[in-house]
PDB file of N, CA and C in Angstrom:
ATOM      1  N   MET A   1      68.476  98.733  87.716  1.00  0.00           N
ATOM      2  CA  MET A   1      69.363  97.897  88.500  1.00  0.00           C
ATOM      3  C   MET A   1      70.003  98.762  89.580  1.00  0.00           C
ATOM      4  N   THR A   2      69.892  98.357  90.802  1.00  0.00           N
ATOM      5  CA  THR A   2      70.565  99.046  91.896  1.00  0.00           C
ATOM      6  C   THR A   2      71.994  98.538  91.967  1.00  0.00           C
ATOM      7  N   VAL A   3      72.911  99.436  92.209  1.00  0.00           N
ATOM      8  CA  VAL A   3      74.318  99.059  92.269  1.00  0.00           C
ATOM      9  C   VAL A   3      74.585  98.276  93.543  1.00  0.00           C
ATOM     10  N   LYS A   4      75.214  97.138  93.411  1.00  0.00           N
ATOM     11  CA  LYS A   4      75.601  96.329  94.560  1.00  0.00           C
ATOM     12  C   LYS A   4      77.022  96.716  94.937  1.00  0.00           C
ATOM     13  N   PRO A   5      77.258  97.129  96.178  1.00  0.00           N
ATOM     14  CA  PRO A   5      78.600  97.589  96.582  1.00  0.00           C
ATOM     15  C   PRO A   5      79.708  96.609  96.264  1.00  0.00           C
ATOM     16  N   GLU A   6      79.487  95.312  96.498  1.00  0.00           N
ATOM     17  CA  GLU A   6      80.540  94.336  96.236  1.00  0.00           C
ATOM     18  C   GLU A   6      80.880  94.236  94.753  1.00  0.00           C
ATOM     19  N   MET A   7      79.935  94.510  93.897  1.00  0.00           N
ATOM     20  CA  MET A   7      80.156  94.458  92.461  1.00  0.00           C
ATOM     21  C   MET A   7      80.840  95.732  91.972  1.00  0.00           C
ATOM     22  N   MET A   8      80.577  96.830  92.658  1.00  0.00           N
ATOM     23  CA  MET A   8      81.006  98.114  92.144  1.00  0.00           C
ATOM     24  C   MET A   8      82.232  98.705  92.820  1.00  0.00           C
ATOM     25  N   TYR A   9      82.855  98.042  93.776  1.00  0.00           N
ATOM     26  CA  TYR A   9      83.899  98.658  94.586  1.00  0.00           C
ATOM     27  C   TYR A   9      84.920  99.441  93.749  1.00  0.00           C
ATOM     28  N   GLY A  10      85.681  98.806  92.914  1.00  0.00           N
ATOM     29  CA  GLY A  10      86.663  99.512  92.095  1.00  0.00           C
ATOM     30  C   GLY A  10      86.034 100.220  90.915  1.00  0.00           C
ATOM     31  N   THR A  11      84.971  99.652  90.388  1.00  0.00           N
ATOM     32  CA  THR A  11      84.320 100.239  89.227  1.00  0.00           C
ATOM     33  C   THR A  11      83.682 101.576  89.574  1.00  0.00           C
ATOM     34  N   LEU A  12      83.094 101.686  90.735  1.00  0.00           N
ATOM     35  CA  LEU A  12      82.481 102.942  91.140  1.00  0.00           C
ATOM     36  C   LEU A  12      83.532 104.042  91.263  1.00  0.00           C
ATOM     37  N   ASP A  13      84.696 103.721  91.811  1.00  0.00           N
ATOM     38  CA  ASP A  13      85.776 104.697  91.882  1.00  0.00           C
ATOM     39  C   ASP A  13      86.122 105.203  90.483  1.00  0.00           C
ATOM     40  N   LEU A  14      86.225 104.288  89.560  1.00  0.00           N
ATOM     41  CA  LEU A  14      86.536 104.637  88.170  1.00  0.00           C
ATOM     42  C   LEU A  14      85.465 105.559  87.580  1.00  0.00           C
ATOM     43  N   LEU A  15      84.196 105.242  87.807  1.00  0.00           N
ATOM     44  CA  LEU A  15      83.107 106.054  87.269  1.00  0.00           C
ATOM     45  C   LEU A  15      83.083 107.451  87.888  1.00  0.00           C
ATOM     46  N   VAL A  16      83.351 107.540  89.180  1.00  0.00           N
ATOM     47  CA  VAL A  16      83.380 108.841  89.859  1.00  0.00           C
ATOM     48  C   VAL A  16      84.534 109.681  89.324  1.00  0.00           C
ATOM     49  N   LEU A  17      85.714 109.091  89.221  1.00  0.00           N
ATOM     50  CA  LEU A  17      86.871 109.833  88.713  1.00  0.00           C
ATOM     51  C   LEU A  17      86.630 110.319  87.287  1.00  0.00           C
ATOM     52  N   ARG A  18      86.052 109.467  86.469  1.00  0.00           N
ATOM     53  CA  ARG A  18      85.780 109.858  85.075  1.00  0.00           C
ATOM     54  C   ARG A  18      84.761 110.988  85.022  1.00  0.00           C
ATOM     55  N   THR A  19      83.749 110.914  85.856  1.00  0.00           N
ATOM     56  CA  THR A  19      82.725 111.962  85.896  1.00  0.00           C
ATOM     57  C   THR A  19      83.341 113.293  86.298  1.00  0.00           C
ATOM     58  N   LEU A  20      84.194 113.279  87.324  1.00  0.00           N
ATOM     59  CA  LEU A  20      84.831 114.521  87.763  1.00  0.00           C
ATOM     60  C   LEU A  20      85.819 115.052  86.724  1.00  0.00           C
ATOM     61  N   GLU A  21      86.481 114.149  86.029  1.00  0.00           N
ATOM     62  CA  GLU A  21      87.389 114.588  84.969  1.00  0.00           C
ATOM     63  C   GLU A  21      86.607 115.288  83.855  1.00  0.00           C
ATOM     64  N   ALA A  22      85.470 114.730  83.512  1.00  0.00           N
ATOM     65  CA  ALA A  22      84.677 115.263  82.406  1.00  0.00           C
ATOM     66  C   ALA A  22      83.934 116.546  82.765  1.00  0.00           C
ATOM     67  N   LEU A  23      83.394 116.618  83.984  1.00  0.00           N
ATOM     68  CA  LEU A  23      82.504 117.716  84.343  1.00  0.00           C
ATOM     69  C   LEU A  23      83.120 118.764  85.252  1.00  0.00           C
ATOM     70  N   GLY A  24      84.271 118.462  85.839  1.00  0.00           N
ATOM     71  CA  GLY A  24      84.842 119.376  86.819  1.00  0.00           C
ATOM     72  C   GLY A  24      84.178 119.162  88.160  1.00  0.00           C
ATOM     73  N   PRO A  25      84.416 120.063  89.118  1.00  0.00           N
ATOM     74  CA  PRO A  25      83.896 119.885  90.477  1.00  0.00           C
ATOM     75  C   PRO A  25      82.370 119.701  90.510  1.00  0.00           C
ATOM     76  N   GLN A  26      81.947 118.700  91.292  1.00  0.00           N
ATOM     77  CA  GLN A  26      80.521 118.367  91.405  1.00  0.00           C
ATOM     78  C   GLN A  26      80.225 117.919  92.833  1.00  0.00           C
ATOM     79  N   HIS A  27      79.001 118.124  93.274  1.00  0.00           N
ATOM     80  CA  HIS A  27      78.584 117.572  94.557  1.00  0.00           C
ATOM     81  C   HIS A  27      78.093 116.143  94.325  1.00  0.00           C
ATOM     82  N   GLY A  28      77.974 115.394  95.420  1.00  0.00           N
ATOM     83  CA  GLY A  28      77.653 113.979  95.314  1.00  0.00           C
ATOM     84  C   GLY A  28      76.379 113.682  94.552  1.00  0.00           C
ATOM     85  N   TYR A  29      75.337 114.453  94.802  1.00  0.00           N
ATOM     86  CA  TYR A  29      74.065 114.218  94.115  1.00  0.00           C
ATOM     87  C   TYR A  29      74.220 114.391  92.602  1.00  0.00           C
ATOM     88  N   ALA A  30      75.011 115.379  92.183  1.00  0.00           N
ATOM     89  CA  ALA A  30      75.234 115.604  90.752  1.00  0.00           C
ATOM     90  C   ALA A  30      76.072 114.482  90.143  1.00  0.00           C
ATOM     91  N   ILE A  31      77.048 113.988  90.897  1.00  0.00           N
ATOM     92  CA  ILE A  31      77.866 112.871  90.411  1.00  0.00           C
ATOM     93  C   ILE A  31      76.977 111.650  90.187  1.00  0.00           C
ATOM     94  N   ALA A  32      76.161 111.326  91.176  1.00  0.00           N
ATOM     95  CA  ALA A  32      75.261 110.179  91.058  1.00  0.00           C
ATOM     96  C   ALA A  32      74.300 110.361  89.887  1.00  0.00           C
ATOM     97  N   GLY A  33      73.738 111.549  89.767  1.00  0.00           N
ATOM     98  CA  GLY A  33      72.801 111.823  88.680  1.00  0.00           C
ATOM     99  C   GLY A  33      73.425 111.666  87.313  1.00  0.00           C
ATOM    100  N   ARG A  34      74.658 112.110  87.174  1.00  0.00           N
ATOM    101  CA  ARG A  34      75.332 112.009  85.870  1.00  0.00           C
ATOM    102  C   ARG A  34      75.638 110.554  85.526  1.00  0.00           C
ATOM    103  N   ILE A  35      76.107 109.787  86.511  1.00  0.00           N
ATOM    104  CA  ILE A  35      76.385 108.374  86.254  1.00  0.00           C
ATOM    105  C   ILE A  35      75.098 107.644  85.879  1.00  0.00           C
ATOM    106  N   GLU A  36      74.021 107.942  86.586  1.00  0.00           N
ATOM    107  CA  GLU A  36      72.736 107.334  86.255  1.00  0.00           C
ATOM    108  C   GLU A  36      72.283 107.733  84.859  1.00  0.00           C
ATOM    109  N   GLN A  37      72.454 109.004  84.514  1.00  0.00           N
ATOM    110  CA  GLN A  37      72.045 109.494  83.199  1.00  0.00           C
ATOM    111  C   GLN A  37      72.841 108.818  82.083  1.00  0.00           C
ATOM    112  N   VAL A  38      74.155 108.788  82.231  1.00  0.00           N
ATOM    113  CA  VAL A  38      75.001 108.191  81.188  1.00  0.00           C
ATOM    114  C   VAL A  38      74.724 106.698  81.048  1.00  0.00           C
ATOM    115  N   SER A  39      74.373 106.036  82.157  1.00  0.00           N
ATOM    116  CA  SER A  39      74.094 104.601  82.102  1.00  0.00           C
ATOM    117  C   SER A  39      72.687 104.302  81.584  1.00  0.00           C
ATOM    118  N   GLY A  40      71.950 105.336  81.220  1.00  0.00           N
ATOM    119  CA  GLY A  40      70.566 105.127  80.793  1.00  0.00           C
ATOM    120  C   GLY A  40      69.707 104.645  81.949  1.00  0.00           C
ATOM    121  N   ASP A  41      70.031 105.114  83.157  1.00  0.00           N
ATOM    122  CA  ASP A  41      69.345 104.724  84.386  1.00  0.00           C
ATOM    123  C   ASP A  41      69.465 103.235  84.705  1.00  0.00           C
ATOM    124  N   MET A  42      70.486 102.592  84.142  1.00  0.00           N
ATOM    125  CA  MET A  42      70.734 101.183  84.460  1.00  0.00           C
ATOM    126  C   MET A  42      71.483 101.047  85.785  1.00  0.00           C
ATOM    127  N   LEU A  43      72.241 102.068  86.166  1.00  0.00           N
ATOM    128  CA  LEU A  43      72.928 102.085  87.457  1.00  0.00           C
ATOM    129  C   LEU A  43      72.243 103.098  88.349  1.00  0.00           C
ATOM    130  N   ARG A  44      71.795 102.670  89.507  1.00  0.00           N
ATOM    131  CA  ARG A  44      71.137 103.546  90.471  1.00  0.00           C
ATOM    132  C   ARG A  44      72.025 103.615  91.699  1.00  0.00           C
ATOM    133  N   LEU A  45      72.599 104.768  91.954  1.00  0.00           N
ATOM    134  CA  LEU A  45      73.496 104.936  93.094  1.00  0.00           C
ATOM    135  C   LEU A  45      72.737 105.491  94.285  1.00  0.00           C
ATOM    136  N   ASN A  46      73.026 104.956  95.458  1.00  0.00           N
ATOM    137  CA  ASN A  46      72.436 105.515  96.667  1.00  0.00           C
ATOM    138  C   ASN A  46      73.548 106.095  97.527  1.00  0.00           C
ATOM    139  N   GLN A  47      73.172 106.869  98.531  1.00  0.00           N
ATOM    140  CA  GLN A  47      74.167 107.537  99.374  1.00  0.00           C
ATOM    141  C   GLN A  47      75.072 106.546 100.086  1.00  0.00           C
ATOM    142  N   GLY A  48      74.535 105.405 100.455  1.00  0.00           N
ATOM    143  CA  GLY A  48      75.315 104.391 101.147  1.00  0.00           C
ATOM    144  C   GLY A  48      76.376 103.756 100.284  1.00  0.00           C
ATOM    145  N   THR A  49      76.281 103.925  98.982  1.00  0.00           N
ATOM    146  CA  THR A  49      77.277 103.423  98.049  1.00  0.00           C
ATOM    147  C   THR A  49      78.217 104.538  97.616  1.00  0.00           C
ATOM    148  N   LEU A  50      77.664 105.683  97.262  1.00  0.00           N
ATOM    149  CA  LEU A  50      78.464 106.768  96.696  1.00  0.00           C
ATOM    150  C   LEU A  50      79.349 107.460  97.724  1.00  0.00           C
ATOM    151  N   TYR A  51      78.803 107.820  98.859  1.00  0.00           N
ATOM    152  CA  TYR A  51      79.579 108.620  99.807  1.00  0.00           C
ATOM    153  C   TYR A  51      80.778 107.883 100.410  1.00  0.00           C
ATOM    154  N   PRO A  52      80.675 106.592 100.704  1.00  0.00           N
ATOM    155  CA  PRO A  52      81.900 105.892 101.124  1.00  0.00           C
ATOM    156  C   PRO A  52      82.972 105.886 100.023  1.00  0.00           C
ATOM    157  N   ALA A  53      82.543 105.787  98.775  1.00  0.00           N
ATOM    158  CA  ALA A  53      83.508 105.831  97.666  1.00  0.00           C
ATOM    159  C   ALA A  53      84.172 107.203  97.596  1.00  0.00           C
ATOM    160  N   LEU A  54      83.390 108.260  97.757  1.00  0.00           N
ATOM    161  CA  LEU A  54      83.970 109.611  97.739  1.00  0.00           C
ATOM    162  C   LEU A  54      84.943 109.800  98.900  1.00  0.00           C
ATOM    163  N   MET A  55      84.609 109.288 100.068  1.00  0.00           N
ATOM    164  CA  MET A  55      85.513 109.387 101.218  1.00  0.00           C
ATOM    165  C   MET A  55      86.792 108.602 100.968  1.00  0.00           C
ATOM    166  N   ARG A  56      86.658 107.416 100.394  1.00  0.00           N
ATOM    167  CA  ARG A  56      87.818 106.581 100.071  1.00  0.00           C
ATOM    168  C   ARG A  56      88.726 107.294  99.073  1.00  0.00           C
ATOM    169  N   LEU A  57      88.119 107.885  98.053  1.00  0.00           N
ATOM    170  CA  LEU A  57      88.895 108.609  97.041  1.00  0.00           C
ATOM    171  C   LEU A  57      89.579 109.835  97.639  1.00  0.00           C
ATOM    172  N   GLU A  58      88.882 110.519  98.533  1.00  0.00           N
ATOM    173  CA  GLU A  58      89.476 111.697  99.158  1.00  0.00           C
ATOM    174  C   GLU A  58      90.611 111.289 100.101  1.00  0.00           C
ATOM    175  N   ASN A  59      90.401 110.250 100.880  1.00  0.00           N
ATOM    176  CA  ASN A  59      91.449 109.769 101.788  1.00  0.00           C
ATOM    177  C   ASN A  59      92.682 109.289 101.022  1.00  0.00           C
ATOM    178  N   GLY A  60      92.478 108.790  99.818  1.00  0.00           N
ATOM    179  CA  GLY A  60      93.586 108.335  98.981  1.00  0.00           C
ATOM    180  C   GLY A  60      94.294 109.458  98.238  1.00  0.00           C
ATOM    181  N   GLY A  61      93.726 110.662  98.295  1.00  0.00           N
ATOM    182  CA  GLY A  61      94.332 111.795  97.598  1.00  0.00           C
ATOM    183  C   GLY A  61      93.952 111.902  96.136  1.00  0.00           C
ATOM    184  N   TRP A  62      92.954 111.130  95.704  1.00  0.00           N
ATOM    185  CA  TRP A  62      92.548 111.135  94.299  1.00  0.00           C
ATOM    186  C   TRP A  62      91.488 112.183  93.993  1.00  0.00           C
ATOM    187  N   VAL A  63      90.775 112.606  95.012  1.00  0.00           N
ATOM    188  CA  VAL A  63      89.856 113.740  94.889  1.00  0.00           C
ATOM    189  C   VAL A  63      90.064 114.643  96.099  1.00  0.00           C
ATOM    190  N   ARG A  64      89.654 115.869  95.970  1.00  0.00           N
ATOM    191  CA  ARG A  64      89.632 116.790  97.107  1.00  0.00           C
ATOM    192  C   ARG A  64      88.241 117.397  97.141  1.00  0.00           C
ATOM    193  N   SER A  65      87.895 117.927  98.312  1.00  0.00           N
ATOM    194  CA  SER A  65      86.559 118.494  98.437  1.00  0.00           C
ATOM    195  C   SER A  65      86.633 119.838  99.134  1.00  0.00           C
ATOM    196  N   LYS A  66      85.600 120.629  98.881  1.00  0.00           N
ATOM    197  CA  LYS A  66      85.423 121.891  99.608  1.00  0.00           C
ATOM    198  C   LYS A  66      83.936 122.202  99.612  1.00  0.00           C
ATOM    199  N   TRP A  67      83.532 122.967 100.606  1.00  0.00           N
ATOM    200  CA  TRP A  67      82.128 123.334 100.724  1.00  0.00           C
ATOM    201  C   TRP A  67      81.787 124.430  99.734  1.00  0.00           C
ATOM    202  N   GLY A  68      80.596 124.326  99.182  1.00  0.00           N
ATOM    203  CA  GLY A  68      80.088 125.334  98.268  1.00  0.00           C
ATOM    204  C   GLY A  68      78.578 125.376  98.352  1.00  0.00           C
ATOM    205  N   THR A  69      77.987 126.147  97.465  1.00  0.00           N
ATOM    206  CA  THR A  69      76.538 126.301  97.428  1.00  0.00           C
ATOM    207  C   THR A  69      76.009 125.752  96.107  1.00  0.00           C
ATOM    208  N   THR A  70      74.962 124.952  96.190  1.00  0.00           N
ATOM    209  CA  THR A  70      74.370 124.364  94.986  1.00  0.00           C
ATOM    210  C   THR A  70      73.527 125.399  94.242  1.00  0.00           C
ATOM    211  N   GLU A  71      73.056 124.989  93.079  1.00  0.00           N
ATOM    212  CA  GLU A  71      72.171 125.840  92.290  1.00  0.00           C
ATOM    213  C   GLU A  71      70.847 126.105  93.007  1.00  0.00           C
ATOM    214  N   ASN A  72      70.516 125.254  94.004  1.00  0.00           N
ATOM    215  CA  ASN A  72      69.300 125.435  94.815  1.00  0.00           C
ATOM    216  C   ASN A  72      69.584 126.177  96.111  1.00  0.00           C
ATOM    217  N   ASN A  73      70.760 126.793  96.187  1.00  0.00           N
ATOM    218  CA  ASN A  73      71.169 127.591  97.341  1.00  0.00           C
ATOM    219  C   ASN A  73      71.306 126.760  98.623  1.00  0.00           C
ATOM    220  N   ARG A  74      71.785 125.524  98.481  1.00  0.00           N
ATOM    221  CA  ARG A  74      72.032 124.657  99.625  1.00  0.00           C
ATOM    222  C   ARG A  74      73.529 124.425  99.759  1.00  0.00           C
ATOM    223  N   LYS A  75      73.996 124.256 100.980  1.00  0.00           N
ATOM    224  CA  LYS A  75      75.400 123.931 101.199  1.00  0.00           C
ATOM    225  C   LYS A  75      75.651 122.483 100.786  1.00  0.00           C
ATOM    226  N   ALA A  76      76.749 122.268 100.083  1.00  0.00           N
ATOM    227  CA  ALA A  76      77.116 120.912  99.673  1.00  0.00           C
ATOM    228  C   ALA A  76      78.628 120.826  99.535  1.00  0.00           C
ATOM    229  N   ARG A  77      79.133 119.628  99.701  1.00  0.00           N
ATOM    230  CA  ARG A  77      80.555 119.388  99.515  1.00  0.00           C
ATOM    231  C   ARG A  77      80.782 119.097  98.025  1.00  0.00           C
ATOM    232  N   TYR A  78      81.670 119.876  97.415  1.00  0.00           N
ATOM    233  CA  TYR A  78      82.015 119.700  96.010  1.00  0.00           C
ATOM    234  C   TYR A  78      83.332 118.946  95.897  1.00  0.00           C
ATOM    235  N   TYR A  79      83.354 117.959  95.023  1.00  0.00           N
ATOM    236  CA  TYR A  79      84.534 117.109  94.833  1.00  0.00           C
ATOM    237  C   TYR A  79      85.171 117.433  93.491  1.00  0.00           C
ATOM    238  N   SER A  80      86.511 117.403  93.472  1.00  0.00           N
ATOM    239  CA  SER A  80      87.241 117.595  92.215  1.00  0.00           C
ATOM    240  C   SER A  80      88.376 116.582  92.157  1.00  0.00           C
ATOM    241  N   ILE A  81      88.746 116.203  90.956  1.00  0.00           N
ATOM    242  CA  ILE A  81      89.806 115.221  90.756  1.00  0.00           C
ATOM    243  C   ILE A  81      91.164 115.914  90.919  1.00  0.00           C
ATOM    244  N   THR A  82      92.126 115.199  91.496  1.00  0.00           N
ATOM    245  CA  THR A  82      93.480 115.717  91.668  1.00  0.00           C
ATOM    246  C   THR A  82      94.378 115.164  90.557  1.00  0.00           C
ATOM    247  N   ALA A  83      95.600 115.643  90.517  1.00  0.00           N
ATOM    248  CA  ALA A  83      96.559 115.132  89.526  1.00  0.00           C
ATOM    249  C   ALA A  83      96.794 113.634  89.729  1.00  0.00           C
ATOM    250  N   SER A  84      96.915 113.205  90.983  1.00  0.00           N
ATOM    251  CA  SER A  84      97.105 111.768  91.220  1.00  0.00           C
ATOM    252  C   SER A  84      95.829 110.995  90.878  1.00  0.00           C
ATOM    253  N   GLY A  85      94.670 111.641  91.012  1.00  0.00           N
ATOM    254  CA  GLY A  85      93.417 111.019  90.601  1.00  0.00           C
ATOM    255  C   GLY A  85      93.358 110.808  89.098  1.00  0.00           C
ATOM    256  N   ARG A  86      93.899 111.750  88.343  1.00  0.00           N
ATOM    257  CA  ARG A  86      93.953 111.593  86.879  1.00  0.00           C
ATOM    258  C   ARG A  86      94.851 110.424  86.491  1.00  0.00           C
ATOM    259  N   LYS A  87      95.966 110.274  87.186  1.00  0.00           N
ATOM    260  CA  LYS A  87      96.869 109.141  86.917  1.00  0.00           C
ATOM    261  C   LYS A  87      96.179 107.831  87.263  1.00  0.00           C
ATOM    262  N   ARG A  88      95.500 107.824  88.400  1.00  0.00           N
ATOM    263  CA  ARG A  88      94.786 106.604  88.797  1.00  0.00           C
ATOM    264  C   ARG A  88      93.682 106.282  87.795  1.00  0.00           C
ATOM    265  N   LEU A  89      92.948 107.292  87.357  1.00  0.00           N
ATOM    266  CA  LEU A  89      91.894 107.088  86.365  1.00  0.00           C
ATOM    267  C   LEU A  89      92.453 106.451  85.107  1.00  0.00           C
ATOM    268  N   GLU A  90      93.566 106.958  84.630  1.00  0.00           N
ATOM    269  CA  GLU A  90      94.175 106.412  83.408  1.00  0.00           C
ATOM    270  C   GLU A  90      94.539 104.941  83.598  1.00  0.00           C
ATOM    271  N   GLN A  91      95.182 104.620  84.719  1.00  0.00           N
ATOM    272  CA  GLN A  91      95.592 103.239  84.980  1.00  0.00           C
ATOM    273  C   GLN A  91      94.390 102.335  85.205  1.00  0.00           C
ATOM    274  N   ASP A  92      93.435 102.785  86.006  1.00  0.00           N
ATOM    275  CA  ASP A  92      92.245 101.966  86.283  1.00  0.00           C
ATOM    276  C   ASP A  92      91.432 101.711  85.019  1.00  0.00           C
ATOM    277  N   ALA A  93      91.325 102.716  84.154  1.00  0.00           N
ATOM    278  CA  ALA A  93      90.577 102.544  82.906  1.00  0.00           C
ATOM    279  C   ALA A  93      91.253 101.496  82.024  1.00  0.00           C
ATOM    280  N   GLU A  94      92.567 101.553  81.975  1.00  0.00           N
ATOM    281  CA  GLU A  94      93.314 100.562  81.190  1.00  0.00           C
ATOM    282  C   GLU A  94      93.130  99.161  81.775  1.00  0.00           C
ATOM    283  N   ASP A  95      93.257  99.046  83.094  1.00  0.00           N
ATOM    284  CA  ASP A  95      93.078  97.752  83.766  1.00  0.00           C
ATOM    285  C   ASP A  95      91.659  97.220  83.567  1.00  0.00           C
ATOM    286  N   TRP A  96      90.665  98.109  83.683  1.00  0.00           N
ATOM    287  CA  TRP A  96      89.271  97.691  83.538  1.00  0.00           C
ATOM    288  C   TRP A  96      88.997  97.199  82.119  1.00  0.00           C
ATOM    289  N   SER A  97      89.514  97.899  81.131  1.00  0.00           N
ATOM    290  CA  SER A  97      89.317  97.487  79.741  1.00  0.00           C
ATOM    291  C   SER A  97      89.942  96.119  79.488  1.00  0.00           C
ATOM    292  N   GLN A  98      91.119  95.909  80.038  1.00  0.00           N
ATOM    293  CA  GLN A  98      91.782  94.619  79.878  1.00  0.00           C
ATOM    294  C   GLN A  98      90.962  93.513  80.537  1.00  0.00           C
ATOM    295  N   MET A  99      90.497  93.759  81.763  1.00  0.00           N
ATOM    296  CA  MET A  99      89.710  92.756  82.468  1.00  0.00           C
ATOM    297  C   MET A  99      88.386  92.490  81.755  1.00  0.00           C
ATOM    298  N   ALA A 100      87.739  93.534  81.254  1.00  0.00           N
ATOM    299  CA  ALA A 100      86.483  93.351  80.518  1.00  0.00           C
ATOM    300  C   ALA A 100      86.704  92.470  79.289  1.00  0.00           C
ATOM    301  N   GLY A 101      87.823  92.654  78.613  1.00  0.00           N
ATOM    302  CA  GLY A 101      88.149  91.823  77.458  1.00  0.00           C
ATOM    303  C   GLY A 101      88.342  90.366  77.849  1.00  0.00           C
ATOM    304  N   ILE A 102      89.001  90.144  78.974  1.00  0.00           N
ATOM    305  CA  ILE A 102      89.214  88.782  79.449  1.00  0.00           C
ATOM    306  C   ILE A 102      87.890  88.125  79.816  1.00  0.00           C
ATOM    307  N   VAL A 103      87.045  88.837  80.548  1.00  0.00           N
ATOM    308  CA  VAL A 103      85.745  88.294  80.942  1.00  0.00           C
ATOM    309  C   VAL A 103      84.909  87.984  79.703  1.00  0.00           C
ATOM    310  N   GLU A 104      84.946  88.864  78.731  1.00  0.00           N
ATOM    311  CA  GLU A 104      84.190  88.614  77.497  1.00  0.00           C
ATOM    312  C   GLU A 104      84.661  87.352  76.797  1.00  0.00           C
ATOM    313  N   LYS A 105      85.974  87.146  76.733  1.00  0.00           N
ATOM    314  CA  LYS A 105      86.512  85.936  76.108  1.00  0.00           C
ATOM    315  C   LYS A 105      86.030  84.672  76.830  1.00  0.00           C
ATOM    316  N   VAL A 106      86.070  84.731  78.152  1.00  0.00           N
ATOM    317  CA  VAL A 106      85.643  83.560  78.930  1.00  0.00           C
ATOM    318  C   VAL A 106      84.147  83.309  78.735  1.00  0.00           C
ATOM    319  N   LEU A 107      83.343  84.372  78.759  1.00  0.00           N
ATOM    320  CA  LEU A 107      81.902  84.182  78.563  1.00  0.00           C
ATOM    321  C   LEU A 107      81.567  83.639  77.195  1.00  0.00           C
ATOM    322  N   LYS A 108      82.355  83.988  76.207  1.00  0.00           N
ATOM    323  CA  LYS A 108      82.124  83.493  74.847  1.00  0.00           C
ATOM    324  C   LYS A 108      82.780  82.117  74.626  1.00  0.00           C
ATOM    325  N   GLY A 109      83.503  81.637  75.625  1.00  0.00           N
ATOM    326  CA  GLY A 109      84.105  80.307  75.527  1.00  0.00           C
ATOM    327  C   GLY A 109      85.395  80.263  74.755  1.00  0.00           C
ATOM    328  N   ALA A 110      86.054  81.386  74.551  1.00  0.00           N
ATOM    329  CA  ALA A 110      87.310  81.417  73.791  1.00  0.00           C
ATOM    330  C   ALA A 110      88.477  81.250  74.768  1.00  0.00           C
ATOM    331  N   PHE A 111      88.676  80.028  75.213  1.00  0.00           N
ATOM    332  CA  PHE A 111      89.761  79.754  76.173  1.00  0.00           C
ATOM    333  C   PHE A 111      91.034  79.691  75.428  1.00  0.00           C
TER     334      PHE A 111
END
Protein backbone atom coordinates (compact mmCIF):
# COMPACT_ATOMS: atom_id res chain seq x y z
CA MET A 1 0.00 0.00 0.00
CA THR A 2 1.41 3.38 -0.95
CA VAL A 3 0.86 6.06 1.64
CA LYS A 4 -1.69 8.65 0.60
CA PRO A 5 -0.66 12.12 1.87
CA GLU A 6 -4.21 13.10 2.84
CA MET A 7 -4.56 9.95 4.92
CA MET A 8 -1.18 10.22 6.55
CA TYR A 9 -0.77 13.95 7.34
CA GLY A 10 -0.75 13.78 11.15
CA THR A 11 -0.06 10.08 11.32
CA LEU A 12 3.15 10.36 9.34
CA ASP A 13 4.43 13.02 11.74
CA LEU A 14 3.72 10.65 14.60
CA LEU A 15 5.53 7.76 12.89
CA VAL A 16 8.58 9.92 12.09
CA LEU A 17 8.81 11.25 15.65
CA ARG A 18 8.50 7.75 17.09
CA THR A 19 11.17 6.43 14.73
CA LEU A 20 13.59 9.19 15.72
CA GLU A 21 12.84 8.67 19.39
CA ALA A 22 13.57 4.96 19.09
CA LEU A 23 16.60 5.06 16.78
CA GLY A 24 18.19 8.44 17.37
CA PRO A 25 19.36 10.66 14.49
CA GLN A 26 18.57 9.23 11.04
CA HIS A 27 18.56 10.43 7.46
CA GLY A 28 15.31 10.44 5.50
CA TYR A 29 15.96 7.23 3.60
CA ALA A 30 16.64 5.38 6.87
CA ILE A 31 13.50 6.81 8.47
CA ALA A 32 11.39 5.66 5.52
CA GLY A 33 13.06 2.25 5.50
CA ARG A 34 12.42 1.70 9.19
CA ILE A 35 8.76 2.68 8.96
CA GLU A 36 8.34 0.37 5.98
CA GLN A 37 10.13 -2.44 7.83
CA VAL A 38 8.08 -2.10 11.02
CA SER A 39 4.86 -1.95 8.99
CA GLY A 40 5.76 -5.21 7.26
CA ASP A 41 6.08 -3.22 4.02
CA MET A 42 2.41 -2.26 4.25
CA LEU A 43 3.36 1.44 4.24
CA ARG A 44 5.50 2.62 1.34
CA LEU A 45 6.85 6.14 1.79
CA ASN A 46 8.10 8.21 -1.10
CA GLN A 47 10.17 11.39 -1.04
CA GLY A 48 7.17 13.50 -1.96
CA THR A 49 5.46 12.37 1.23
CA LEU A 50 8.34 12.07 3.69
CA TYR A 51 10.40 15.16 3.00
CA PRO A 52 7.55 17.67 3.34
CA ALA A 53 6.73 16.03 6.69
CA LEU A 54 10.36 16.36 7.81
CA MET A 55 10.38 20.03 6.76
CA ARG A 56 7.10 20.63 8.60
CA LEU A 57 8.47 18.97 11.73
CA GLU A 58 11.69 20.95 11.53
CA ASN A 59 9.86 24.25 10.96
CA GLY A 60 7.71 23.45 14.00
CA GLY A 61 10.77 22.84 16.18
CA TRP A 62 9.95 19.17 16.74
CA VAL A 63 13.02 17.89 14.91
CA ARG A 64 16.35 19.44 14.02
CA SER A 65 18.70 18.50 11.25
CA LYS A 66 22.37 18.66 10.41
CA TRP A 67 24.48 17.41 7.55
CA GLY A 68 26.42 14.21 7.97
CA THR A 69 27.82 11.29 6.03
CA THR A 70 25.94 8.04 5.49
CA GLU A 71 27.36 4.55 5.83
CA ASN A 72 27.79 4.67 2.01
CA ASN A 73 29.95 7.80 2.32
CA ARG A 74 27.27 10.13 0.91
CA LYS A 75 26.23 13.49 2.31
CA ALA A 76 22.79 13.42 3.90
CA ARG A 77 20.71 15.50 6.26
CA TYR A 78 20.28 13.73 9.60
CA TYR A 79 17.17 14.44 11.67
CA SER A 80 16.83 14.14 15.44
CA ILE A 81 13.88 14.67 17.76
CA THR A 82 13.89 17.71 20.07
CA ALA A 83 12.51 18.02 23.59
CA SER A 84 9.38 19.69 22.22
CA GLY A 85 9.17 16.87 19.66
CA ARG A 86 9.11 14.34 22.50
CA LYS A 87 6.24 16.24 24.14
CA ARG A 88 4.38 16.38 20.86
CA LEU A 89 4.98 12.66 20.29
CA GLU A 90 3.52 11.83 23.70
CA GLN A 91 0.42 13.97 23.10
CA ASP A 92 -0.09 12.84 19.50
CA ALA A 93 0.26 9.18 20.46
CA GLU A 94 -2.36 9.61 23.16
CA ASP A 95 -4.70 11.46 20.77
CA TRP A 96 -4.17 8.86 18.03
CA SER A 97 -4.92 5.96 20.38
CA GLN A 98 -8.10 7.65 21.53
CA MET A 99 -9.21 8.34 17.96
CA ALA A 100 -8.38 4.78 16.87
CA GLY A 101 -10.58 3.49 19.69
CA ILE A 102 -13.44 5.72 18.59
CA VAL A 103 -13.13 4.66 14.95
CA GLU A 104 -13.06 1.02 15.99
CA LYS A 105 -16.25 1.44 18.02
CA VAL A 106 -18.03 3.07 15.09
CA LEU A 107 -16.86 0.40 12.64
CA LYS A 108 -18.10 -2.31 14.96
CA GLY A 109 -21.43 -0.51 15.34
CA ALA A 110 -21.12 0.19 19.07
CA PHE A 111 -22.81 3.59 19.08
